[in-house]
């Protein structure tokens, strides 16, 4: 079972976001939250929000799931659209400034909760017999 969350148009360069995402790939979710809480990078706060959303999506999909068994399967930062600005310089010139954005994707995975051995299996409902006319 896997769940995914995406934050789009985050005003940070994909290279800087990937530095933080490299620290969390493949690790358990509870460990990742500790790493992000103590990371000095400002993008760690945004990545923490995306991780919380992915965990919430996993709980919504599966119902009862133990968050301790979730791990970060994939964490990527792709390039979003760039904002192009110009900085005035001496002698009437202008220097372009490119403000990059990124799309941050986090996929978490974990095993589905096992059925309890004592619980009876659910049966399909019986259909009412068709009326003959």
Protein backbone atom coordinates (compact mmCIF):
# COMPACT_ATOMS: atom_id res chain seq x y z
CA UNK A 1 0.00 0.00 0.00
CA UNK A 2 1.36 3.38 -0.91
CA UNK A 3 0.12 6.95 -0.65
CA UNK A 4 1.32 10.10 -2.35
CA UNK A 5 1.31 13.84 -1.65
CA UNK A 6 2.49 16.69 -3.88
CA UNK A 7 3.22 20.34 -3.08
CA UNK A 8 3.32 22.40 -6.25
CA UNK A 9 4.88 25.79 -6.99
CA UNK A 10 7.04 25.86 -3.84
CA UNK A 11 9.34 28.91 -4.01
CA UNK A 12 12.60 27.04 -3.53
CA UNK A 13 15.00 25.71 -6.12
CA UNK A 14 14.76 21.97 -6.82
CA UNK A 15 18.46 21.58 -6.01
CA UNK A 16 18.02 22.95 -2.48
CA UNK A 17 14.90 20.85 -1.93
CA UNK A 18 16.69 17.70 -3.10
CA UNK A 19 19.42 18.27 -0.49
CA UNK A 20 16.81 17.83 2.25
CA UNK A 21 14.92 15.07 0.43
CA UNK A 22 18.12 13.04 0.11
CA UNK A 23 18.30 12.89 3.92
CA UNK A 24 14.85 11.29 4.24
CA UNK A 25 14.64 8.80 1.36
CA UNK A 26 14.05 5.23 2.52
CA UNK A 27 13.70 6.07 6.21
CA UNK A 28 10.84 5.39 8.63
CA UNK A 29 8.26 8.20 8.90
CA UNK A 30 8.71 8.78 12.64
CA UNK A 31 12.49 9.11 12.14
CA UNK A 32 11.96 11.46 9.19
CA UNK A 33 9.85 13.86 11.24
CA UNK A 34 12.71 14.16 13.75
CA UNK A 35 15.21 14.83 10.95
CA UNK A 36 13.01 17.54 9.44
CA UNK A 37 12.31 19.19 12.80
CA UNK A 38 16.01 19.70 13.45
CA UNK A 39 17.08 20.55 9.91
CA UNK A 40 18.28 24.17 9.54
CA UNK A 41 16.99 24.44 5.95
CA UNK A 42 13.80 26.48 5.55
CA UNK A 43 12.41 24.04 2.97
CA UNK A 44 12.34 21.32 5.66
CA UNK A 45 9.16 22.90 7.05
CA UNK A 46 7.41 22.60 3.67
CA UNK A 47 8.63 19.02 3.23
CA UNK A 48 7.29 18.22 6.72
CA UNK A 49 3.86 19.43 5.64
CA UNK A 50 3.97 17.29 2.49
CA UNK A 51 5.01 14.27 4.58
CA UNK A 52 2.12 14.82 7.00
CA UNK A 53 -0.24 14.99 4.03
CA UNK A 54 1.13 11.74 2.58
CA UNK A 55 0.68 10.00 5.94
CA UNK A 56 -2.88 11.34 6.19
CA UNK A 57 -3.57 10.07 2.67
CA UNK A 58 -2.26 6.63 3.67
CA UNK A 59 -4.58 6.56 6.68
CA UNK A 60 -7.52 7.69 4.54
CA UNK A 61 -6.86 4.99 1.93
CA UNK A 62 -6.22 2.09 4.30
CA UNK A 63 -8.24 3.05 7.36
CA UNK A 64 -6.50 1.60 10.38
CA UNK A 65 -2.79 1.62 9.67
CA UNK A 66 0.13 1.79 12.05
CA UNK A 67 2.12 4.92 11.18
CA UNK A 68 5.26 3.34 12.66
CA UNK A 69 5.33 0.86 9.76
CA UNK A 70 5.30 3.57 7.08
CA UNK A 71 8.49 4.53 5.31
CA UNK A 72 9.37 7.09 2.64
CA UNK A 73 9.53 5.13 -0.60
CA UNK A 74 10.19 8.04 -2.92
CA UNK A 75 10.93 11.75 -2.40
CA UNK A 76 11.61 13.99 -5.39
CA UNK A 77 11.69 17.66 -6.26
CA UNK A 78 10.96 18.46 -9.88
CA UNK A 79 11.32 21.83 -11.55
CA UNK A 80 8.29 24.09 -11.66
CA UNK A 81 7.86 27.27 -13.66
CA UNK A 82 10.49 29.97 -13.17
CA UNK A 83 9.70 33.58 -12.38
CA UNK A 84 11.78 35.88 -14.55
CA UNK A 85 12.72 39.26 -13.10
CA UNK A 86 15.24 41.94 -14.05
CA UNK A 87 17.62 43.82 -11.81
CA UNK A 88 18.65 47.29 -13.01
CA UNK A 89 22.41 47.72 -13.30
CA UNK A 90 24.83 50.51 -14.15
CA UNK A 91 24.78 52.36 -17.48
CA UNK A 92 21.20 51.37 -18.33
CA UNK A 93 21.80 47.64 -18.37
CA UNK A 94 19.62 44.99 -16.74
CA UNK A 95 20.58 41.61 -15.30
CA UNK A 96 18.06 38.78 -15.45
CA UNK A 97 17.13 37.07 -12.19
CA UNK A 98 15.49 33.66 -12.37
CA UNK A 99 13.44 32.70 -9.32
CA UNK A 100 12.94 28.96 -9.54
CA UNK A 101 10.03 26.97 -8.15
CA UNK A 102 9.68 23.26 -7.54
CA UNK A 103 7.08 20.52 -7.22
CA UNK A 104 7.81 18.32 -4.19
CA UNK A 105 6.48 14.75 -4.31
CA UNK A 106 6.61 12.27 -1.42
CA UNK A 107 5.38 8.68 -1.62
CA UNK A 108 5.08 6.64 1.57
CA UNK A 109 4.55 2.89 1.71
CA UNK A 110 3.76 0.35 4.36
CA UNK A 111 2.20 -3.04 4.72
CA UNK A 112 -1.55 -3.24 5.00
CA UNK A 113 -2.82 -4.31 8.43
CA UNK A 114 -3.24 -8.09 8.60
CA UNK A 115 -6.68 -9.55 9.17
CA UNK A 116 -7.23 -10.87 12.65
CA UNK A 117 -7.36 -14.66 12.61
CA UNK A 118 -10.42 -14.77 14.90
CA UNK A 119 -12.46 -12.32 12.82
CA UNK A 120 -14.96 -13.94 10.47
CA UNK A 121 -14.58 -13.21 6.80
CA UNK A 122 -17.21 -10.93 5.31
CA UNK A 123 -19.73 -12.63 3.10
CA UNK A 124 -21.44 -11.21 0.08
CA UNK A 125 -25.07 -10.25 0.53
CA UNK A 126 -27.67 -12.60 -0.73
CA UNK A 127 -29.77 -11.24 -3.48
CA UNK A 128 -33.51 -11.54 -3.33
CA UNK A 129 -34.84 -14.09 -5.77
CA UNK A 130 -35.99 -12.57 -9.05
CA UNK A 131 -39.75 -12.27 -9.38
CA UNK A 132 -41.17 -14.18 -12.27
CA UNK A 133 -44.01 -12.51 -14.10
